[in-house]
Amino acid sequence: MSGHRTRSEFVLRVDPIACAGHGLCAHLLPEHIALDEWGYPVMAGQRETGPLEPALAGLGRQAVEACPTLALRLRRTVIEVRD
């Protein structure tokens, strides 16, 4: 009998209308977020990052909390893993 377990994936998403280009998110997560020439975040999926590594999920939360315009959201997806 095979077991099932779950794991969480976290993805950061930016609201481009709310974003004012402060750049705090890129400072906290340079592994996933770069800034364009105007200081706005550029992410792998244009408006969202790819899945954050588990070790970076805490920094993702910090980036959401640090955003002065509340333009970031951290989305959690639960994935079922079969053993």
PDB file of N, CA and C in Angstrom:
ATOM      1  N   MET A   1       0.841  -1.175   0.000  1.00  0.00           N
ATOM      2  CA  MET A   1       0.000   0.000   0.000  1.00  0.00           C
ATOM      3  C   MET A   1       0.890   1.244   0.000  1.00  0.00           C
ATOM      4  N   SER A   2       0.648   2.122  -0.922  1.00  0.00           N
ATOM      5  CA  SER A   2       1.471   3.329  -0.996  1.00  0.00           C
ATOM      6  C   SER A   2       0.858   4.424  -0.133  1.00  0.00           C
ATOM      7  N   GLY A   3       1.733   5.231   0.446  1.00  0.00           N
ATOM      8  CA  GLY A   3       1.267   6.318   1.297  1.00  0.00           C
ATOM      9  C   GLY A   3       1.143   7.617   0.525  1.00  0.00           C
ATOM     10  N   HIS A   4       0.355   8.486   1.067  1.00  0.00           N
ATOM     11  CA  HIS A   4       0.196   9.818   0.485  1.00  0.00           C
ATOM     12  C   HIS A   4       0.657  10.832   1.521  1.00  0.00           C
ATOM     13  N   ARG A   5       1.282  11.851   1.043  1.00  0.00           N
ATOM     14  CA  ARG A   5       1.630  12.959   1.909  1.00  0.00           C
ATOM     15  C   ARG A   5       1.456  14.233   1.095  1.00  0.00           C
ATOM     16  N   THR A   6       1.478  15.334   1.762  1.00  0.00           N
ATOM     17  CA  THR A   6       1.316  16.604   1.061  1.00  0.00           C
ATOM     18  C   THR A   6       2.532  17.483   1.310  1.00  0.00           C
ATOM     19  N   ARG A   7       2.725  18.406   0.394  1.00  0.00           N
ATOM     20  CA  ARG A   7       3.745  19.430   0.587  1.00  0.00           C
ATOM     21  C   ARG A   7       3.168  20.739   0.072  1.00  0.00           C
ATOM     22  N   SER A   8       3.693  21.807   0.577  1.00  0.00           N
ATOM     23  CA  SER A   8       3.208  23.127   0.184  1.00  0.00           C
ATOM     24  C   SER A   8       4.184  23.784  -0.774  1.00  0.00           C
ATOM     25  N   GLU A   9       3.650  24.477  -1.752  1.00  0.00           N
ATOM     26  CA  GLU A   9       4.441  25.328  -2.633  1.00  0.00           C
ATOM     27  C   GLU A   9       3.955  26.751  -2.440  1.00  0.00           C
ATOM     28  N   PHE A  10       4.889  27.680  -2.421  1.00  0.00           N
ATOM     29  CA  PHE A  10       4.555  29.087  -2.261  1.00  0.00           C
ATOM     30  C   PHE A  10       4.992  29.854  -3.498  1.00  0.00           C
ATOM     31  N   VAL A  11       4.116  30.714  -3.976  1.00  0.00           N
ATOM     32  CA  VAL A  11       4.385  31.547  -5.146  1.00  0.00           C
ATOM     33  C   VAL A  11       4.033  32.986  -4.778  1.00  0.00           C
ATOM     34  N   LEU A  12       4.935  33.912  -5.088  1.00  0.00           N
ATOM     35  CA  LEU A  12       4.659  35.332  -4.886  1.00  0.00           C
ATOM     36  C   LEU A  12       4.020  35.907  -6.135  1.00  0.00           C
ATOM     37  N   ARG A  13       3.016  36.720  -5.947  1.00  0.00           N
ATOM     38  CA  ARG A  13       2.336  37.371  -7.071  1.00  0.00           C
ATOM     39  C   ARG A  13       2.282  38.871  -6.789  1.00  0.00           C
ATOM     40  N   VAL A  14       2.553  39.667  -7.817  1.00  0.00           N
ATOM     41  CA  VAL A  14       2.520  41.120  -7.676  1.00  0.00           C
ATOM     42  C   VAL A  14       1.314  41.692  -8.418  1.00  0.00           C
ATOM     43  N   ASP A  15       0.689  42.670  -7.806  1.00  0.00           N
ATOM     44  CA  ASP A  15      -0.385  43.425  -8.451  1.00  0.00           C
ATOM     45  C   ASP A  15       0.286  44.629  -9.111  1.00  0.00           C
ATOM     46  N   PRO A  16       0.415  44.621 -10.438  1.00  0.00           N
ATOM     47  CA  PRO A  16       1.161  45.696 -11.100  1.00  0.00           C
ATOM     48  C   PRO A  16       0.497  47.069 -10.970  1.00  0.00           C
ATOM     49  N   ILE A  17      -0.798  47.107 -10.717  1.00  0.00           N
ATOM     50  CA  ILE A  17      -1.486  48.385 -10.538  1.00  0.00           C
ATOM     51  C   ILE A  17      -1.144  48.988  -9.174  1.00  0.00           C
ATOM     52  N   ALA A  18      -1.088  48.141  -8.144  1.00  0.00           N
ATOM     53  CA  ALA A  18      -0.799  48.624  -6.790  1.00  0.00           C
ATOM     54  C   ALA A  18       0.684  48.907  -6.568  1.00  0.00           C
ATOM     55  N   CYS A  19       1.549  48.251  -7.316  1.00  0.00           N
ATOM     56  CA  CYS A  19       2.994  48.376  -7.110  1.00  0.00           C
ATOM     57  C   CYS A  19       3.474  49.786  -7.462  1.00  0.00           C
ATOM     58  N   ALA A  20       4.267  50.366  -6.558  1.00  0.00           N
ATOM     59  CA  ALA A  20       4.830  51.701  -6.782  1.00  0.00           C
ATOM     60  C   ALA A  20       6.329  51.645  -7.054  1.00  0.00           C
ATOM     61  N   GLY A  21       6.894  50.449  -7.150  1.00  0.00           N
ATOM     62  CA  GLY A  21       8.302  50.306  -7.504  1.00  0.00           C
ATOM     63  C   GLY A  21       9.280  50.656  -6.394  1.00  0.00           C
ATOM     64  N   HIS A  22       8.929  50.387  -5.145  1.00  0.00           N
ATOM     65  CA  HIS A  22       9.850  50.651  -4.035  1.00  0.00           C
ATOM     66  C   HIS A  22      11.050  49.704  -4.050  1.00  0.00           C
ATOM     67  N   GLY A  23      10.872  48.473  -4.519  1.00  0.00           N
ATOM     68  CA  GLY A  23      11.974  47.529  -4.664  1.00  0.00           C
ATOM     69  C   GLY A  23      12.322  46.703  -3.447  1.00  0.00           C
ATOM     70  N   LEU A  24      11.549  46.795  -2.377  1.00  0.00           N
ATOM     71  CA  LEU A  24      11.856  46.014  -1.177  1.00  0.00           C
ATOM     72  C   LEU A  24      11.780  44.516  -1.439  1.00  0.00           C
ATOM     73  N   CYS A  25      10.854  44.095  -2.277  1.00  0.00           N
ATOM     74  CA  CYS A  25      10.699  42.667  -2.576  1.00  0.00           C
ATOM     75  C   CYS A  25      11.964  42.113  -3.238  1.00  0.00           C
ATOM     76  N   ALA A  26      12.541  42.864  -4.159  1.00  0.00           N
ATOM     77  CA  ALA A  26      13.760  42.410  -4.838  1.00  0.00           C
ATOM     78  C   ALA A  26      14.941  42.398  -3.883  1.00  0.00           C
ATOM     79  N   HIS A  27      14.944  43.304  -2.936  1.00  0.00           N
ATOM     80  CA  HIS A  27      16.010  43.323  -1.936  1.00  0.00           C
ATOM     81  C   HIS A  27      15.943  42.071  -1.063  1.00  0.00           C
ATOM     82  N   LEU A  28      14.731  41.651  -0.703  1.00  0.00           N
ATOM     83  CA  LEU A  28      14.563  40.479   0.156  1.00  0.00           C
ATOM     84  C   LEU A  28      14.692  39.162  -0.598  1.00  0.00           C
ATOM     85  N   LEU A  29      14.284  39.123  -1.857  1.00  0.00           N
ATOM     86  CA  LEU A  29      14.295  37.880  -2.641  1.00  0.00           C
ATOM     87  C   LEU A  29      14.971  38.063  -4.006  1.00  0.00           C
ATOM     88  N   PRO A  30      16.247  38.417  -4.016  1.00  0.00           N
ATOM     89  CA  PRO A  30      16.916  38.621  -5.308  1.00  0.00           C
ATOM     90  C   PRO A  30      17.017  37.344  -6.139  1.00  0.00           C
ATOM     91  N   GLU A  31      16.842  36.185  -5.501  1.00  0.00           N
ATOM     92  CA  GLU A  31      16.879  34.912  -6.229  1.00  0.00           C
ATOM     93  C   GLU A  31      15.702  34.767  -7.186  1.00  0.00           C
ATOM     94  N   HIS A  32      14.605  35.460  -6.905  1.00  0.00           N
ATOM     95  CA  HIS A  32      13.383  35.313  -7.700  1.00  0.00           C
ATOM     96  C   HIS A  32      12.852  36.613  -8.295  1.00  0.00           C
ATOM     97  N   ILE A  33      13.308  37.741  -7.783  1.00  0.00           N
ATOM     98  CA  ILE A  33      12.758  39.019  -8.230  1.00  0.00           C
ATOM     99  C   ILE A  33      13.889  39.962  -8.626  1.00  0.00           C
ATOM    100  N   ALA A  34      13.811  40.462  -9.836  1.00  0.00           N
ATOM    101  CA  ALA A  34      14.738  41.497 -10.309  1.00  0.00           C
ATOM    102  C   ALA A  34      13.936  42.786 -10.485  1.00  0.00           C
ATOM    103  N   LEU A  35      14.628  43.875 -10.698  1.00  0.00           N
ATOM    104  CA  LEU A  35      13.950  45.146 -10.943  1.00  0.00           C
ATOM    105  C   LEU A  35      14.225  45.596 -12.365  1.00  0.00           C
ATOM    106  N   ASP A  36      13.200  46.151 -13.005  1.00  0.00           N
ATOM    107  CA  ASP A  36      13.411  46.690 -14.351  1.00  0.00           C
ATOM    108  C   ASP A  36      14.052  48.076 -14.247  1.00  0.00           C
ATOM    109  N   GLU A  37      14.231  48.741 -15.365  1.00  0.00           N
ATOM    110  CA  GLU A  37      14.929  50.030 -15.364  1.00  0.00           C
ATOM    111  C   GLU A  37      14.177  51.129 -14.615  1.00  0.00           C
ATOM    112  N   TRP A  38      12.896  50.939 -14.326  1.00  0.00           N
ATOM    113  CA  TRP A  38      12.109  51.912 -13.572  1.00  0.00           C
ATOM    114  C   TRP A  38      11.933  51.511 -12.105  1.00  0.00           C
ATOM    115  N   GLY A  39      12.515  50.384 -11.705  1.00  0.00           N
ATOM    116  CA  GLY A  39      12.432  49.936 -10.321  1.00  0.00           C
ATOM    117  C   GLY A  39      11.266  49.029 -10.004  1.00  0.00           C
ATOM    118  N   TYR A  40      10.553  48.564 -11.025  1.00  0.00           N
ATOM    119  CA  TYR A  40       9.419  47.666 -10.807  1.00  0.00           C
ATOM    120  C   TYR A  40       9.872  46.210 -10.854  1.00  0.00           C
ATOM    121  N   PRO A  41       9.222  45.338 -10.084  1.00  0.00           N
ATOM    122  CA  PRO A  41       9.652  43.942 -10.023  1.00  0.00           C
ATOM    123  C   PRO A  41       9.412  43.185 -11.324  1.00  0.00           C
ATOM    124  N   VAL A  42      10.390  42.361 -11.655  1.00  0.00           N
ATOM    125  CA  VAL A  42      10.303  41.455 -12.799  1.00  0.00           C
ATOM    126  C   VAL A  42      10.462  40.051 -12.231  1.00  0.00           C
ATOM    127  N   MET A  43       9.478  39.199 -12.507  1.00  0.00           N
ATOM    128  CA  MET A  43       9.480  37.838 -11.972  1.00  0.00           C
ATOM    129  C   MET A  43       9.458  36.848 -13.116  1.00  0.00           C
ATOM    130  N   ALA A  44       9.758  35.604 -12.808  1.00  0.00           N
ATOM    131  CA  ALA A  44       9.848  34.558 -13.834  1.00  0.00           C
ATOM    132  C   ALA A  44       8.586  34.467 -14.678  1.00  0.00           C
ATOM    133  N   GLY A  45       7.425  34.487 -14.050  1.00  0.00           N
ATOM    134  CA  GLY A  45       6.163  34.379 -14.775  1.00  0.00           C
ATOM    135  C   GLY A  45       5.542  35.734 -15.055  1.00  0.00           C
ATOM    136  N   GLN A  46       6.316  36.767 -15.137  1.00  0.00           N
ATOM    137  CA  GLN A  46       5.937  38.167 -15.347  1.00  0.00           C
ATOM    138  C   GLN A  46       5.243  38.773 -14.134  1.00  0.00           C
ATOM    139  N   ARG A  47       4.133  38.185 -13.685  1.00  0.00           N
ATOM    140  CA  ARG A  47       3.451  38.734 -12.507  1.00  0.00           C
ATOM    141  C   ARG A  47       3.628  37.871 -11.270  1.00  0.00           C
ATOM    142  N   GLU A  48       4.229  36.699 -11.425  1.00  0.00           N
ATOM    143  CA  GLU A  48       4.461  35.863 -10.255  1.00  0.00           C
ATOM    144  C   GLU A  48       5.759  35.103 -10.401  1.00  0.00           C
ATOM    145  N   THR A  49       6.298  34.694  -9.251  1.00  0.00           N
ATOM    146  CA  THR A  49       7.525  33.913  -9.249  1.00  0.00           C
ATOM    147  C   THR A  49       7.192  32.465  -9.560  1.00  0.00           C
ATOM    148  N   GLY A  50       8.198  31.692  -9.843  1.00  0.00           N
ATOM    149  CA  GLY A  50       8.025  30.250  -9.841  1.00  0.00           C
ATOM    150  C   GLY A  50       7.911  29.827  -8.383  1.00  0.00           C
ATOM    151  N   PRO A  51       7.724  28.545  -8.122  1.00  0.00           N
ATOM    152  CA  PRO A  51       7.636  28.095  -6.728  1.00  0.00           C
ATOM    153  C   PRO A  51       8.892  28.483  -5.944  1.00  0.00           C
ATOM    154  N   LEU A  52       8.690  29.036  -4.760  1.00  0.00           N
ATOM    155  CA  LEU A  52       9.811  29.391  -3.899  1.00  0.00           C
ATOM    156  C   LEU A  52      10.359  28.137  -3.245  1.00  0.00           C
ATOM    157  N   GLU A  53      11.665  28.066  -3.106  1.00  0.00           N
ATOM    158  CA  GLU A  53      12.268  26.972  -2.367  1.00  0.00           C
ATOM    159  C   GLU A  53      11.785  27.065  -0.916  1.00  0.00           C
ATOM    160  N   PRO A  54      11.603  25.926  -0.233  1.00  0.00           N
ATOM    161  CA  PRO A  54      11.104  25.969   1.147  1.00  0.00           C
ATOM    162  C   PRO A  54      11.914  26.899   2.053  1.00  0.00           C
ATOM    163  N   ALA A  55      13.217  26.957   1.842  1.00  0.00           N
ATOM    164  CA  ALA A  55      14.060  27.818   2.676  1.00  0.00           C
ATOM    165  C   ALA A  55      13.777  29.303   2.449  1.00  0.00           C
ATOM    166  N   LEU A  56      13.155  29.655   1.321  1.00  0.00           N
ATOM    167  CA  LEU A  56      12.882  31.058   1.003  1.00  0.00           C
ATOM    168  C   LEU A  56      11.441  31.483   1.293  1.00  0.00           C
ATOM    169  N   ALA A  57      10.607  30.552   1.732  1.00  0.00           N
ATOM    170  CA  ALA A  57       9.203  30.889   2.003  1.00  0.00           C
ATOM    171  C   ALA A  57       9.090  31.963   3.082  1.00  0.00           C
ATOM    172  N   GLY A  58       9.943  31.913   4.083  1.00  0.00           N
ATOM    173  CA  GLY A  58       9.935  32.931   5.136  1.00  0.00           C
ATOM    174  C   GLY A  58      10.273  34.311   4.594  1.00  0.00           C
ATOM    175  N   LEU A  59      11.233  34.365   3.673  1.00  0.00           N
ATOM    176  CA  LEU A  59      11.569  35.646   3.049  1.00  0.00           C
ATOM    177  C   LEU A  59      10.425  36.139   2.169  1.00  0.00           C
ATOM    178  N   GLY A  60       9.692  35.208   1.573  1.00  0.00           N
ATOM    179  CA  GLY A  60       8.513  35.589   0.804  1.00  0.00           C
ATOM    180  C   GLY A  60       7.484  36.263   1.686  1.00  0.00           C
ATOM    181  N   ARG A  61       7.274  35.714   2.882  1.00  0.00           N
ATOM    182  CA  ARG A  61       6.339  36.324   3.833  1.00  0.00           C
ATOM    183  C   ARG A  61       6.821  37.716   4.246  1.00  0.00           C
ATOM    184  N   GLN A  62       8.141  37.834   4.477  1.00  0.00           N
ATOM    185  CA  GLN A  62       8.702  39.135   4.851  1.00  0.00           C
ATOM    186  C   GLN A  62       8.501  40.161   3.736  1.00  0.00           C
ATOM    187  N   ALA A  63       8.675  39.726   2.493  1.00  0.00           N
ATOM    188  CA  ALA A  63       8.490  40.637   1.358  1.00  0.00           C
ATOM    189  C   ALA A  63       7.048  41.131   1.297  1.00  0.00           C
ATOM    190  N   VAL A  64       6.093  40.237   1.532  1.00  0.00           N
ATOM    191  CA  VAL A  64       4.675  40.627   1.536  1.00  0.00           C
ATOM    192  C   VAL A  64       4.419  41.650   2.640  1.00  0.00           C
ATOM    193  N   GLU A  65       4.948  41.389   3.821  1.00  0.00           N
ATOM    194  CA  GLU A  65       4.735  42.293   4.954  1.00  0.00           C
ATOM    195  C   GLU A  65       5.448  43.627   4.766  1.00  0.00           C
ATOM    196  N   ALA A  66       6.575  43.633   4.046  1.00  0.00           N
ATOM    197  CA  ALA A  66       7.361  44.856   3.861  1.00  0.00           C
ATOM    198  C   ALA A  66       6.825  45.752   2.754  1.00  0.00           C
ATOM    199  N   CYS A  67       5.994  45.224   1.888  1.00  0.00           N
ATOM    200  CA  CYS A  67       5.515  46.001   0.740  1.00  0.00           C
ATOM    201  C   CYS A  67       4.637  47.162   1.215  1.00  0.00           C
ATOM    202  N   PRO A  68       5.080  48.412   1.001  1.00  0.00           N
ATOM    203  CA  PRO A  68       4.310  49.553   1.507  1.00  0.00           C
ATOM    204  C   PRO A  68       2.974  49.777   0.796  1.00  0.00           C
ATOM    205  N   THR A  69       2.804  49.222  -0.391  1.00  0.00           N
ATOM    206  CA  THR A  69       1.540  49.408  -1.116  1.00  0.00           C
ATOM    207  C   THR A  69       0.678  48.150  -1.133  1.00  0.00           C
ATOM    208  N   LEU A  70       1.096  47.124  -0.401  1.00  0.00           N
ATOM    209  CA  LEU A  70       0.365  45.853  -0.320  1.00  0.00           C
ATOM    210  C   LEU A  70       0.159  45.226  -1.700  1.00  0.00           C
ATOM    211  N   ALA A  71       1.162  45.355  -2.552  1.00  0.00           N
ATOM    212  CA  ALA A  71       1.062  44.856  -3.928  1.00  0.00           C
ATOM    213  C   ALA A  71       1.451  43.390  -4.064  1.00  0.00           C
ATOM    214  N   LEU A  72       1.996  42.793  -3.018  1.00  0.00           N
ATOM    215  CA  LEU A  72       2.422  41.392  -3.084  1.00  0.00           C
ATOM    216  C   LEU A  72       1.459  40.485  -2.343  1.00  0.00           C
ATOM    217  N   ARG A  73       1.284  39.299  -2.879  1.00  0.00           N
ATOM    218  CA  ARG A  73       0.510  38.241  -2.231  1.00  0.00           C
ATOM    219  C   ARG A  73       1.339  36.968  -2.286  1.00  0.00           C
ATOM    220  N   LEU A  74       1.271  36.196  -1.219  1.00  0.00           N
ATOM    221  CA  LEU A  74       1.939  34.900  -1.178  1.00  0.00           C
ATOM    222  C   LEU A  74       0.856  33.838  -1.275  1.00  0.00           C
ATOM    223  N   ARG A  75       0.880  33.086  -2.351  1.00  0.00           N
ATOM    224  CA  ARG A  75      -0.135  32.052  -2.579  1.00  0.00           C
ATOM    225  C   ARG A  75       0.455  30.698  -2.211  1.00  0.00           C
ATOM    226  N   ARG A  76      -0.280  29.965  -1.407  1.00  0.00           N
ATOM    227  CA  ARG A  76       0.144  28.624  -0.997  1.00  0.00           C
ATOM    228  C   ARG A  76      -0.708  27.601  -1.725  1.00  0.00           C
ATOM    229  N   THR A  77      -0.040  26.620  -2.314  1.00  0.00           N
ATOM    230  CA  THR A  77      -0.721  25.515  -2.975  1.00  0.00           C
ATOM    231  C   THR A  77      -0.284  24.228  -2.291  1.00  0.00           C
ATOM    232  N   VAL A  78      -1.240  23.398  -1.918  1.00  0.00           N
ATOM    233  CA  VAL A  78      -0.933  22.106  -1.305  1.00  0.00           C
ATOM    234  C   VAL A  78      -0.941  21.055  -2.406  1.00  0.00           C
ATOM    235  N   ILE A  79       0.145  20.309  -2.477  1.00  0.00           N
ATOM    236  CA  ILE A  79       0.314  19.297  -3.515  1.00  0.00           C
ATOM    237  C   ILE A  79       0.382  17.928  -2.857  1.00  0.00           C
ATOM    238  N   GLU A  80      -0.389  16.997  -3.392  1.00  0.00           N
ATOM    239  CA  GLU A  80      -0.353  15.630  -2.884  1.00  0.00           C
ATOM    240  C   GLU A  80       0.797  14.889  -3.549  1.00  0.00           C
ATOM    241  N   VAL A  81       1.612  14.244  -2.726  1.00  0.00           N
ATOM    242  CA  VAL A  81       2.765  13.488  -3.217  1.00  0.00           C
ATOM    243  C   VAL A  81       2.532  12.022  -2.897  1.00  0.00           C
ATOM    244  N   ARG A  82       2.660  11.184  -3.893  1.00  0.00           N
ATOM    245  CA  ARG A  82       2.490   9.741  -3.667  1.00  0.00           C
ATOM    246  C   ARG A  82       3.849   9.110  -3.427  1.00  0.00           C
ATOM    247  N   ASP A  83       3.893   8.247  -2.446  1.00  0.00           N
ATOM    248  CA  ASP A  83       5.144   7.527  -2.130  1.00  0.00           C
ATOM    249  C   ASP A  83       5.266   6.271  -2.952  1.00  0.00           C
TER     250      ASP A  83
END
